[in-house]
Amino acid sequence: MDERIVPSDAEFWTRTRRHLLKYGGEFVDFVPIRAEGAFLYDEAGRRVLDFTSGQMSTVLGHSHPEIVATVRDGIGQLDHLFSSMLSRPVVDLAEALAQLVPQLPKVMLLSTGGEANEAAIKLAKLVTGGWEVVGFAQSWHGMTGAAASATYKAGRRGYGPMAAGCFAIPAPNAYRPRFPGVDWQTELDDAFELLDRESTGNLTAFIAEPILSSGGIIELPEGYLAALKQRTRGPCRAQGSEGPIPGRSPRAAQRHRSGDRLSPLLRGPLPKLRQTPPVGSLCGARANTVAERHDRPGARHLQSW
């Protein structure tokens, strides 16, 4: 945009101020009525290049014809079911996700990435019997309950205490290191030494984004997730989803091939479509995990997913 857009519909903004709560800052004064490809358009036909509306809009573009046709066809036939009822597309999607990650063949489909992370954290607590969850200090996992408690990028002030047993370690940043000259292995060792002192011995999971999005597009160095998994002392279990599936960038794909992808309670995943109802997923290894709750002794009882 070469010039500031001045809203012409004063009534629209009056109704906005009267009926909508603000979240995440002020509403922008450009009001789109349609979108196509990478652009948003207002009533006057002015367009804005959209860098803000979600990963899938960025990758595939707004109003992708194939997506629009699929959504229209689906909602025209069967738009909602009771949770205990299944339709063939649900099983088809679960199977397709399982094929992407053969180690995690069981899928729970949810509404958002935050909801998937809630389920992942609950499952980790159920399996291990612990309640302490560790994440990166620059992380963003959602704004509800346990997901918000594991989020450190923003949203922690003004609501009182978060869930008990939440810890953070710094994410390695090759461009802005916390301590210049200190390698990420040493930084990780130091973080876990401090974590062992803080923990009550009830660690249950480490939740991580392979590429920290809101934290500044920080890509973890090669070997980091494998080292993190080694410190969690547990097998790969599940993956909660929201955002692009790790492995899309060349270096992330290489880490996948070298076994450095699914280490610990990995968040990051099923792209959300702006043109469709949002989708999140949780992929797991087994259904009978409750029976394994007390099978793994050890003070550092972190569950690796």
C-alpha atoms as a PDB file:
ATOM      1  CA  MET A   1       0.000   0.000   0.000  1.00  0.00           C
ATOM      2  CA  ASP A   2       1.416   3.353  -1.017  1.00  0.00           C
ATOM      3  CA  GLU A   3      -0.880   5.323   1.245  1.00  0.00           C
ATOM      4  CA  ARG A   4      -2.707   4.799   4.505  1.00  0.00           C
ATOM      5  CA  ILE A   5      -6.199   3.368   4.044  1.00  0.00           C
ATOM      6  CA  VAL A   6      -8.829   5.506   5.741  1.00  0.00           C
ATOM      7  CA  PRO A   7     -12.008   3.545   6.530  1.00  0.00           C
ATOM      8  CA  SER A   8     -15.006   5.110   4.843  1.00  0.00           C
ATOM      9  CA  ASP A   9     -17.687   3.234   6.772  1.00  0.00           C
ATOM     10  CA  ALA A  10     -17.924   5.051  10.105  1.00  0.00           C
ATOM     11  CA  GLU A  11     -20.891   2.902  11.125  1.00  0.00           C
ATOM     12  CA  PHE A  12     -18.825  -0.251  10.659  1.00  0.00           C
ATOM     13  CA  TRP A  13     -16.196   0.953  13.147  1.00  0.00           C
ATOM     14  CA  THR A  14     -18.835   2.185  15.566  1.00  0.00           C
ATOM     15  CA  ARG A  15     -20.395  -1.273  15.614  1.00  0.00           C
ATOM     16  CA  THR A  16     -16.934  -2.831  15.901  1.00  0.00           C
ATOM     17  CA  ARG A  17     -16.069  -0.799  19.000  1.00  0.00           C
ATOM     18  CA  ARG A  18     -19.467  -1.547  20.507  1.00  0.00           C
ATOM     19  CA  HIS A  19     -19.502  -5.319  20.057  1.00  0.00           C
ATOM     20  CA  LEU A  20     -15.980  -6.748  19.627  1.00  0.00           C
ATOM     21  CA  LEU A  21     -13.339  -7.332  22.264  1.00  0.00           C
ATOM     22  CA  LYS A  22      -9.841  -6.450  21.104  1.00  0.00           C
ATOM     23  CA  TYR A  23      -7.225  -9.173  21.094  1.00  0.00           C
ATOM     24  CA  GLY A  24      -3.596  -9.028  20.039  1.00  0.00           C
ATOM     25  CA  GLY A  25      -3.562  -5.252  19.595  1.00  0.00           C
ATOM     26  CA  GLU A  26      -5.647  -2.804  17.571  1.00  0.00           C
ATOM     27  CA  PHE A  27      -7.688  -3.848  14.544  1.00  0.00           C
ATOM     28  CA  VAL A  28      -6.143  -2.657  11.288  1.00  0.00           C
ATOM     29  CA  ASP A  29      -8.054  -0.062   9.292  1.00  0.00           C
ATOM     30  CA  PHE A  30      -8.133  -2.078   6.072  1.00  0.00           C
ATOM     31  CA  VAL A  31     -11.377  -4.059   5.763  1.00  0.00           C
ATOM     32  CA  PRO A  32     -11.108  -6.874   3.192  1.00  0.00           C
ATOM     33  CA  ILE A  33     -14.189  -8.250   1.481  1.00  0.00           C
ATOM     34  CA  ARG A  34     -12.463 -10.927  -0.599  1.00  0.00           C
ATOM     35  CA  ALA A  35      -9.097 -12.560  -1.105  1.00  0.00           C
ATOM     36  CA  GLU A  36      -7.337 -14.200  -4.004  1.00  0.00           C
ATOM     37  CA  GLY A  37      -3.865 -15.667  -4.118  1.00  0.00           C
ATOM     38  CA  ALA A  38      -1.536 -13.567  -1.978  1.00  0.00           C
ATOM     39  CA  PHE A  39      -3.774 -10.455  -1.954  1.00  0.00           C
ATOM     40  CA  LEU A  40      -6.673  -9.038   0.051  1.00  0.00           C
ATOM     41  CA  TYR A  41      -9.159  -6.592  -1.525  1.00  0.00           C
ATOM     42  CA  ASP A  42     -11.455  -4.011   0.065  1.00  0.00           C
ATOM     43  CA  GLU A  43     -14.731  -2.565  -1.229  1.00  0.00           C
ATOM     44  CA  ALA A  44     -12.905   0.093  -3.237  1.00  0.00           C
ATOM     45  CA  GLY A  45     -10.831  -2.540  -5.030  1.00  0.00           C
ATOM     46  CA  ARG A  46      -7.619  -1.615  -3.250  1.00  0.00           C
ATOM     47  CA  ARG A  47      -5.405  -4.592  -2.538  1.00  0.00           C
ATOM     48  CA  VAL A  48      -2.897  -5.501   0.156  1.00  0.00           C
ATOM     49  CA  LEU A  49      -0.191  -8.146  -0.070  1.00  0.00           C
ATOM     50  CA  ASP A  50      -1.071 -10.518   2.764  1.00  0.00           C
ATOM     51  CA  PHE A  51       1.776 -11.656   5.010  1.00  0.00           C
ATOM     52  CA  THR A  52      -0.427 -12.215   8.048  1.00  0.00           C
ATOM     53  CA  SER A  53      -3.321 -14.626   7.573  1.00  0.00           C
ATOM     54  CA  GLY A  54      -1.799 -18.014   8.268  1.00  0.00           C
ATOM     55  CA  GLN A  55       0.618 -20.550   6.951  1.00  0.00           C
ATOM     56  CA  MET A  56      -1.706 -22.141   4.399  1.00  0.00           C
ATOM     57  CA  SER A  57      -2.756 -18.829   2.894  1.00  0.00           C
ATOM     58  CA  THR A  58       0.917 -18.034   2.464  1.00  0.00           C
ATOM     59  CA  VAL A  59       1.778 -21.390   0.891  1.00  0.00           C
ATOM     60  CA  LEU A  60      -1.299 -22.049  -1.267  1.00  0.00           C
ATOM     61  CA  GLY A  61      -2.912 -18.631  -1.472  1.00  0.00           C
ATOM     62  CA  HIS A  62      -6.402 -17.456  -0.602  1.00  0.00           C
ATOM     63  CA  SER A  63      -9.412 -19.008  -2.350  1.00  0.00           C
ATOM     64  CA  HIS A  64      -7.463 -21.767  -4.031  1.00  0.00           C
ATOM     65  CA  PRO A  65      -9.984 -23.259  -6.514  1.00  0.00           C
ATOM     66  CA  GLU A  66      -9.331 -26.867  -5.523  1.00  0.00           C
ATOM     67  CA  ILE A  67      -9.692 -26.097  -1.821  1.00  0.00           C
ATOM     68  CA  VAL A  68     -12.860 -24.064  -2.393  1.00  0.00           C
ATOM     69  CA  ALA A  69     -14.417 -26.878  -4.439  1.00  0.00           C
ATOM     70  CA  THR A  70     -13.484 -29.510  -1.850  1.00  0.00           C
ATOM     71  CA  VAL A  71     -14.904 -27.506   1.039  1.00  0.00           C
ATOM     72  CA  ARG A  72     -18.144 -26.697  -0.790  1.00  0.00           C
ATOM     73  CA  ASP A  73     -18.623 -30.312  -1.776  1.00  0.00           C
ATOM     74  CA  GLY A  74     -17.899 -31.597   1.712  1.00  0.00           C
ATOM     75  CA  ILE A  75     -20.096 -29.175   3.627  1.00  0.00           C
ATOM     76  CA  GLY A  76     -22.893 -29.735   1.117  1.00  0.00           C
ATOM     77  CA  GLN A  77     -22.965 -33.444   1.924  1.00  0.00           C
ATOM     78  CA  LEU A  78     -22.036 -33.774   5.604  1.00  0.00           C
ATOM     79  CA  ASP A  79     -21.001 -30.795   7.705  1.00  0.00           C
ATOM     80  CA  HIS A  80     -21.023 -32.011  11.327  1.00  0.00           C
ATOM     81  CA  LEU A  81     -21.210 -35.233  13.317  1.00  0.00           C
ATOM     82  CA  PHE A  82     -21.389 -36.328  16.935  1.00  0.00           C
ATOM     83  CA  SER A  83     -17.853 -37.160  18.098  1.00  0.00           C
ATOM     84  CA  SER A  84     -18.532 -40.905  18.324  1.00  0.00           C
ATOM     85  CA  MET A  85     -19.621 -41.081  14.679  1.00  0.00           C
ATOM     86  CA  LEU A  86     -17.101 -41.471  11.864  1.00  0.00           C
ATOM     87  CA  SER A  87     -17.181 -40.644   8.186  1.00  0.00           C
ATOM     88  CA  ARG A  88     -14.865 -41.998   5.501  1.00  0.00           C
ATOM     89  CA  PRO A  89     -12.983 -38.685   4.956  1.00  0.00           C
ATOM     90  CA  VAL A  90     -11.982 -38.670   8.635  1.00  0.00           C
ATOM     91  CA  VAL A  91     -10.378 -42.101   8.354  1.00  0.00           C
ATOM     92  CA  ASP A  92      -8.820 -41.152   5.005  1.00  0.00           C
ATOM     93  CA  LEU A  93      -7.173 -38.102   6.587  1.00  0.00           C
ATOM     94  CA  ALA A  94      -5.960 -40.076   9.609  1.00  0.00           C
ATOM     95  CA  GLU A  95      -4.422 -42.658   7.284  1.00  0.00           C
ATOM     96  CA  ALA A  96      -2.740 -39.980   5.170  1.00  0.00           C
ATOM     97  CA  LEU A  97      -1.210 -38.348   8.270  1.00  0.00           C
ATOM     98  CA  ALA A  98      -0.007 -41.724   9.557  1.00  0.00           C
ATOM     99  CA  GLN A  99       1.733 -42.367   6.252  1.00  0.00           C
ATOM    100  CA  LEU A 100       3.710 -39.133   6.700  1.00  0.00           C
ATOM    101  CA  VAL A 101       4.950 -40.331  10.105  1.00  0.00           C
ATOM    102  CA  PRO A 102       4.873 -44.174  10.092  1.00  0.00           C
ATOM    103  CA  GLN A 103       6.219 -44.321  13.664  1.00  0.00           C
ATOM    104  CA  LEU A 104       3.027 -42.622  14.875  1.00  0.00           C
ATOM    105  CA  PRO A 105       0.125 -44.466  13.239  1.00  0.00           C
ATOM    106  CA  LYS A 106      -2.714 -43.340  15.515  1.00  0.00           C
ATOM    107  CA  VAL A 107      -4.376 -39.956  15.004  1.00  0.00           C
ATOM    108  CA  MET A 108      -6.720 -37.700  16.959  1.00  0.00           C
ATOM    109  CA  LEU A 109      -8.251 -34.938  14.829  1.00  0.00           C
ATOM    110  CA  LEU A 110      -9.059 -31.707  16.652  1.00  0.00           C
ATOM    111  CA  SER A 111     -10.045 -28.145  15.815  1.00  0.00           C
ATOM    112  CA  THR A 112      -6.830 -26.174  16.306  1.00  0.00           C
ATOM    113  CA  GLY A 113      -3.136 -26.583  16.983  1.00  0.00           C
ATOM    114  CA  GLY A 114      -3.642 -25.311  20.525  1.00  0.00           C
ATOM    115  CA  GLU A 115      -6.246 -27.996  21.128  1.00  0.00           C
ATOM    116  CA  ALA A 116      -3.885 -30.642  19.738  1.00  0.00           C
ATOM    117  CA  ASN A 117      -1.181 -29.451  22.128  1.00  0.00           C
ATOM    118  CA  GLU A 118      -3.638 -29.615  25.037  1.00  0.00           C
ATOM    119  CA  ALA A 119      -4.376 -33.234  24.164  1.00  0.00           C
ATOM    120  CA  ALA A 120      -0.673 -34.054  23.744  1.00  0.00           C
ATOM    121  CA  ILE A 121       0.212 -32.622  27.158  1.00  0.00           C
ATOM    122  CA  LYS A 122      -2.698 -34.431  28.829  1.00  0.00           C
ATOM    123  CA  LEU A 123      -1.675 -37.693  27.208  1.00  0.00           C
ATOM    124  CA  ALA A 124       1.942 -37.247  28.331  1.00  0.00           C
ATOM    125  CA  LYS A 125       0.769 -36.633  31.904  1.00  0.00           C
ATOM    126  CA  LEU A 126      -1.497 -39.665  31.779  1.00  0.00           C
ATOM    127  CA  VAL A 127       1.257 -41.941  30.473  1.00  0.00           C
ATOM    128  CA  THR A 128       4.054 -40.817  32.804  1.00  0.00           C
ATOM    129  CA  GLY A 129       2.116 -39.885  35.925  1.00  0.00           C
ATOM    130  CA  GLY A 130       4.113 -36.631  36.060  1.00  0.00           C
ATOM    131  CA  TRP A 131       2.945 -33.049  35.576  1.00  0.00           C
ATOM    132  CA  GLU A 132       5.996 -30.886  34.870  1.00  0.00           C
ATOM    133  CA  VAL A 133       6.259 -29.645  31.273  1.00  0.00           C
ATOM    134  CA  VAL A 134       9.308 -27.983  29.680  1.00  0.00           C
ATOM    135  CA  GLY A 135       9.365 -25.743  26.608  1.00  0.00           C
ATOM    136  CA  PHE A 136      11.448 -23.094  24.885  1.00  0.00           C
ATOM    137  CA  ALA A 137      11.471 -19.572  26.299  1.00  0.00           C
ATOM    138  CA  GLN A 138      10.551 -18.187  22.840  1.00  0.00           C
ATOM    139  CA  SER A 139       7.742 -20.698  22.227  1.00  0.00           C
ATOM    140  CA  TRP A 140       4.107 -20.319  21.176  1.00  0.00           C
ATOM    141  CA  HIS A 141       1.823 -23.344  21.656  1.00  0.00           C
ATOM    142  CA  GLY A 142      -1.643 -21.876  22.177  1.00  0.00           C
ATOM    143  CA  MET A 143      -3.704 -19.703  24.488  1.00  0.00           C
ATOM    144  CA  THR A 144      -5.714 -22.250  26.472  1.00  0.00           C
ATOM    145  CA  GLY A 145      -4.826 -23.983  29.737  1.00  0.00           C
ATOM    146  CA  ALA A 146      -1.765 -26.194  29.466  1.00  0.00           C
ATOM    147  CA  ALA A 147      -0.828 -24.860  26.015  1.00  0.00           C
ATOM    148  CA  ALA A 148      -0.788 -21.286  27.351  1.00  0.00           C
ATOM    149  CA  SER A 149       1.227 -22.395  30.368  1.00  0.00           C
ATOM    150  CA  ALA A 150       3.855 -23.835  28.005  1.00  0.00           C
ATOM    151  CA  THR A 151       3.901 -20.633  25.901  1.00  0.00           C
ATOM    152  CA  TYR A 152       6.571 -18.065  26.763  1.00  0.00           C
ATOM    153  CA  LYS A 153       6.670 -15.738  23.757  1.00  0.00           C
ATOM    154  CA  ALA A 154       3.665 -13.686  24.938  1.00  0.00           C
ATOM    155  CA  GLY A 155       0.370 -13.817  26.792  1.00  0.00           C
ATOM    156  CA  ARG A 156       1.610 -14.644  30.290  1.00  0.00           C
ATOM    157  CA  ARG A 157       0.700 -11.430  32.103  1.00  0.00           C
ATOM    158  CA  GLY A 158      -2.556 -10.327  33.659  1.00  0.00           C
ATOM    159  CA  TYR A 159      -4.249 -13.685  34.240  1.00  0.00           C
ATOM    160  CA  GLY A 160      -2.789 -14.904  37.514  1.00  0.00           C
ATOM    161  CA  PRO A 161      -0.789 -18.103  38.012  1.00  0.00           C
ATOM    162  CA  MET A 162      -0.210 -20.481  35.133  1.00  0.00           C
ATOM    163  CA  ALA A 163      -0.416 -24.259  35.559  1.00  0.00           C
ATOM    164  CA  ALA A 164       1.975 -25.679  38.132  1.00  0.00           C
ATOM    165  CA  GLY A 165       5.142 -27.342  36.926  1.00  0.00           C
ATOM    166  CA  CYS A 166       6.004 -25.258  33.848  1.00  0.00           C
ATOM    167  CA  PHE A 167       9.643 -24.671  32.960  1.00  0.00           C
ATOM    168  CA  ALA A 168      11.472 -23.037  30.053  1.00  0.00           C
ATOM    169  CA  ILE A 169      14.927 -23.337  28.564  1.00  0.00           C
ATOM    170  CA  PRO A 170      16.410 -20.965  25.958  1.00  0.00           C
ATOM    171  CA  ALA A 171      16.213 -21.965  22.313  1.00  0.00           C
ATOM    172  CA  PRO A 172      19.539 -21.898  20.460  1.00  0.00           C
ATOM    173  CA  ASN A 173      19.851 -18.920  18.154  1.00  0.00           C
ATOM    174  CA  ALA A 174      22.782 -18.953  15.752  1.00  0.00           C
ATOM    175  CA  TYR A 175      22.201 -15.306  14.774  1.00  0.00           C
ATOM    176  CA  ARG A 176      21.663 -13.817  18.242  1.00  0.00           C
ATOM    177  CA  PRO A 177      23.291 -16.217  20.718  1.00  0.00           C
ATOM    178  CA  ARG A 178      22.710 -15.584  24.397  1.00  0.00           C
ATOM    179  CA  PHE A 179      26.391 -16.158  25.123  1.00  0.00           C
ATOM    180  CA  PRO A 180      28.678 -15.538  22.120  1.00  0.00           C
ATOM    181  CA  GLY A 181      31.283 -18.249  21.781  1.00  0.00           C
ATOM    182  CA  VAL A 182      29.233 -20.853  23.667  1.00  0.00           C
ATOM    183  CA  ASP A 183      28.005 -23.705  21.460  1.00  0.00           C
ATOM    184  CA  TRP A 184      24.453 -25.011  21.631  1.00  0.00           C
ATOM    185  CA  GLN A 185      25.524 -28.317  23.207  1.00  0.00           C
ATOM    186  CA  THR A 186      27.041 -26.497  26.178  1.00  0.00           C
ATOM    187  CA  GLU A 187      23.996 -24.242  26.450  1.00  0.00           C
ATOM    188  CA  LEU A 188      21.682 -27.278  26.414  1.00  0.00           C
ATOM    189  CA  ASP A 189      23.734 -29.047  29.092  1.00  0.00           C
ATOM    190  CA  ASP A 190      23.581 -25.946  31.280  1.00  0.00           C
ATOM    191  CA  ALA A 191      19.820 -25.606  30.773  1.00  0.00           C
ATOM    192  CA  PHE A 192      19.149 -29.195  31.810  1.00  0.00           C
ATOM    193  CA  GLU A 193      21.434 -28.908  34.827  1.00  0.00           C
ATOM    194  CA  LEU A 194      19.307 -25.972  36.001  1.00  0.00           C
ATOM    195  CA  LEU A 195      16.123 -27.854  35.099  1.00  0.00           C
ATOM    196  CA  ASP A 196      17.163 -30.821  37.252  1.00  0.00           C
ATOM    197  CA  ARG A 197      17.592 -28.470  40.209  1.00  0.00           C
ATOM    198  CA  GLU A 198      14.176 -26.841  39.684  1.00  0.00           C
ATOM    199  CA  SER A 199      12.183 -30.015  39.072  1.00  0.00           C
ATOM    200  CA  THR A 200      10.477 -31.970  41.837  1.00  0.00           C
ATOM    201  CA  GLY A 201      11.165 -35.192  39.955  1.00  0.00           C
ATOM    202  CA  ASN A 202       7.837 -35.183  38.108  1.00  0.00           C
ATOM    203  CA  LEU A 203       8.892 -34.135  34.606  1.00  0.00           C
ATOM    204  CA  THR A 204       6.526 -35.448  31.975  1.00  0.00           C
ATOM    205  CA  ALA A 205       7.192 -33.828  28.573  1.00  0.00           C
ATOM    206  CA  PHE A 206       9.225 -31.398  26.532  1.00  0.00           C
ATOM    207  CA  ILE A 207       7.137 -29.532  23.966  1.00  0.00           C
ATOM    208  CA  ALA A 208       9.009 -27.939  21.076  1.00  0.00           C
ATOM    209  CA  GLU A 209       8.576 -26.330  17.697  1.00  0.00           C
ATOM    210  CA  PRO A 210      11.183 -27.648  15.221  1.00  0.00           C
ATOM    211  CA  ILE A 211      11.145 -24.139  13.761  1.00  0.00           C
ATOM    212  CA  LEU A 212      10.115 -21.499  16.295  1.00  0.00           C
ATOM    213  CA  SER A 213       7.650 -19.312  14.438  1.00  0.00           C
ATOM    214  CA  SER A 214       6.499 -16.497  16.725  1.00  0.00           C
ATOM    215  CA  GLY A 215       9.850 -16.679  18.481  1.00  0.00           C
ATOM    216  CA  GLY A 216      11.572 -15.277  15.402  1.00  0.00           C
ATOM    217  CA  ILE A 217      11.696 -18.055  12.765  1.00  0.00           C
ATOM    218  CA  ILE A 218      14.466 -19.819  14.656  1.00  0.00           C
ATOM    219  CA  GLU A 219      15.501 -23.104  13.043  1.00  0.00           C
ATOM    220  CA  LEU A 220      17.074 -25.516  15.495  1.00  0.00           C
ATOM    221  CA  PRO A 221      20.624 -26.559  14.567  1.00  0.00           C
ATOM    222  CA  GLU A 222      21.230 -29.992  13.093  1.00  0.00           C
ATOM    223  CA  GLY A 223      21.504 -32.562  15.853  1.00  0.00           C
ATOM    224  CA  TYR A 224      19.669 -30.466  18.456  1.00  0.00           C
ATOM    225  CA  LEU A 225      16.446 -32.483  18.547  1.00  0.00           C
ATOM    226  CA  ALA A 226      18.391 -35.740  18.744  1.00  0.00           C
ATOM    227  CA  ALA A 227      20.363 -34.354  21.695  1.00  0.00           C
ATOM    228  CA  LEU A 228      17.149 -33.157  23.296  1.00  0.00           C
ATOM    229  CA  LYS A 229      15.570 -36.563  22.849  1.00  0.00           C
ATOM    230  CA  GLN A 230      18.564 -38.220  24.502  1.00  0.00           C
ATOM    231  CA  ARG A 231      18.032 -36.036  27.555  1.00  0.00           C
ATOM    232  CA  THR A 232      14.346 -36.925  27.742  1.00  0.00           C
ATOM    233  CA  ARG A 233      15.157 -40.636  27.942  1.00  0.00           C
ATOM    234  CA  GLY A 234      12.021 -41.852  26.240  1.00  0.00           C
ATOM    235  CA  PRO A 235      10.821 -43.193  22.887  1.00  0.00           C
ATOM    236  CA  CYS A 236       9.160 -41.043  20.233  1.00  0.00           C
ATOM    237  CA  ARG A 237       5.455 -41.022  20.942  1.00  0.00           C
ATOM    238  CA  ALA A 238       3.346 -38.348  19.301  1.00  0.00           C
ATOM    239  CA  GLN A 239       3.216 -35.095  17.452  1.00  0.00           C
ATOM    240  CA  GLY A 240       0.782 -32.292  18.005  1.00  0.00           C
ATOM    241  CA  SER A 241       0.061 -30.111  15.024  1.00  0.00           C
ATOM    242  CA  GLU A 242      -0.258 -26.521  13.966  1.00  0.00           C
ATOM    243  CA  GLY A 243       1.690 -24.903  11.170  1.00  0.00           C
ATOM    244  CA  PRO A 244       3.859 -26.358   8.419  1.00  0.00           C
ATOM    245  CA  ILE A 245       5.009 -29.962   8.816  1.00  0.00           C
ATOM    246  CA  PRO A 246       8.661 -30.052   9.836  1.00  0.00           C
ATOM    247  CA  GLY A 247      10.752 -31.317   6.995  1.00  0.00           C
ATOM    248  CA  ARG A 248       9.494 -28.805   4.422  1.00  0.00           C
ATOM    249  CA  SER A 249      12.744 -26.829   4.379  1.00  0.00           C
ATOM    250  CA  PRO A 250      15.804 -28.568   2.875  1.00  0.00           C
ATOM    251  CA  ARG A 251      17.756 -28.619   6.114  1.00  0.00           C
ATOM    252  CA  ALA A 252      14.730 -29.791   8.109  1.00  0.00           C
ATOM    253  CA  ALA A 253      14.175 -32.522   5.532  1.00  0.00           C
ATOM    254  CA  GLN A 254      17.782 -33.605   5.922  1.00  0.00           C
ATOM    255  CA  ARG A 255      17.344 -33.782   9.696  1.00  0.00           C
ATOM    256  CA  HIS A 256      14.277 -35.946   9.150  1.00  0.00           C
ATOM    257  CA  ARG A 257      16.326 -38.375   7.072  1.00  0.00           C
ATOM    258  CA  SER A 258      19.077 -38.415   9.702  1.00  0.00           C
ATOM    259  CA  GLY A 259      16.676 -39.224  12.543  1.00  0.00           C
ATOM    260  CA  ASP A 260      16.624 -35.751  14.070  1.00  0.00           C
ATOM    261  CA  ARG A 261      12.975 -34.949  13.460  1.00  0.00           C
ATOM    262  CA  LEU A 262      10.508 -36.364  15.962  1.00  0.00           C
ATOM    263  CA  SER A 263      12.518 -35.928  19.102  1.00  0.00           C
ATOM    264  CA  PRO A 264      10.651 -34.748  22.001  1.00  0.00           C
ATOM    265  CA  LEU A 265       7.039 -33.830  22.306  1.00  0.00           C
ATOM    266  CA  LEU A 266       7.219 -32.212  18.994  1.00  0.00           C
ATOM    267  CA  ARG A 267       4.833 -29.493  18.072  1.00  0.00           C
ATOM    268  CA  GLY A 268       4.577 -28.317  14.606  1.00  0.00           C
ATOM    269  CA  PRO A 269       2.463 -29.582  11.761  1.00  0.00           C
ATOM    270  CA  LEU A 270      -0.875 -29.769  10.064  1.00  0.00           C
ATOM    271  CA  PRO A 271      -1.360 -26.539   8.105  1.00  0.00           C
ATOM    272  CA  LYS A 272      -4.451 -24.518   8.946  1.00  0.00           C
ATOM    273  CA  LEU A 273      -6.586 -23.381   6.040  1.00  0.00           C
ATOM    274  CA  ARG A 274      -8.037 -19.901   6.266  1.00  0.00           C
ATOM    275  CA  GLN A 275     -10.694 -20.861   3.709  1.00  0.00           C
ATOM    276  CA  THR A 276     -11.859 -23.879   5.750  1.00  0.00           C
ATOM    277  CA  PRO A 277     -12.592 -24.767   9.361  1.00  0.00           C
ATOM    278  CA  PRO A 278      -9.208 -24.969  11.129  1.00  0.00           C
ATOM    279  CA  VAL A 279      -7.793 -28.400  11.809  1.00  0.00           C
ATOM    280  CA  GLY A 280      -5.293 -29.706  14.337  1.00  0.00           C
ATOM    281  CA  SER A 281      -4.073 -33.229  14.870  1.00  0.00           C
ATOM    282  CA  LEU A 282      -2.338 -35.397  17.431  1.00  0.00           C
ATOM    283  CA  CYS A 283      -0.475 -38.496  16.226  1.00  0.00           C
ATOM    284  CA  GLY A 284       0.449 -41.248  18.662  1.00  0.00           C
ATOM    285  CA  ALA A 285       2.179 -44.604  18.730  1.00  0.00           C
ATOM    286  CA  ARG A 286      -0.236 -46.709  20.749  1.00  0.00           C
ATOM    287  CA  ALA A 287      -3.739 -46.798  22.126  1.00  0.00           C
ATOM    288  CA  ASN A 288      -2.946 -48.686  25.360  1.00  0.00           C
ATOM    289  CA  THR A 289      -0.528 -46.129  26.779  1.00  0.00           C
ATOM    290  CA  VAL A 290      -2.276 -45.972  30.187  1.00  0.00           C
ATOM    291  CA  ALA A 291      -0.898 -49.403  31.063  1.00  0.00           C
ATOM    292  CA  GLU A 292       2.634 -48.037  30.597  1.00  0.00           C
ATOM    293  CA  ARG A 293       2.281 -45.236  33.136  1.00  0.00           C
ATOM    294  CA  HIS A 294       4.543 -46.657  35.819  1.00  0.00           C
ATOM    295  CA  ASP A 295       6.819 -48.813  33.684  1.00  0.00           C
ATOM    296  CA  ARG A 296       9.670 -46.319  33.384  1.00  0.00           C
ATOM    297  CA  PRO A 297      11.531 -45.481  36.598  1.00  0.00           C
ATOM    298  CA  GLY A 298      13.798 -42.491  36.964  1.00  0.00           C
ATOM    299  CA  ALA A 299      13.754 -39.005  38.441  1.00  0.00           C
ATOM    300  CA  ARG A 300      13.953 -37.316  35.055  1.00  0.00           C
ATOM    301  CA  HIS A 301      10.765 -38.796  33.654  1.00  0.00           C
ATOM    302  CA  LEU A 302      10.343 -36.685  30.561  1.00  0.00           C
ATOM    303  CA  GLN A 303       8.157 -38.152  27.861  1.00  0.00           C
ATOM    304  CA  SER A 304       9.532 -37.853  24.338  1.00  0.00           C
ATOM    305  CA  TRP A 305       6.936 -37.695  21.585  1.00  0.00           C
END
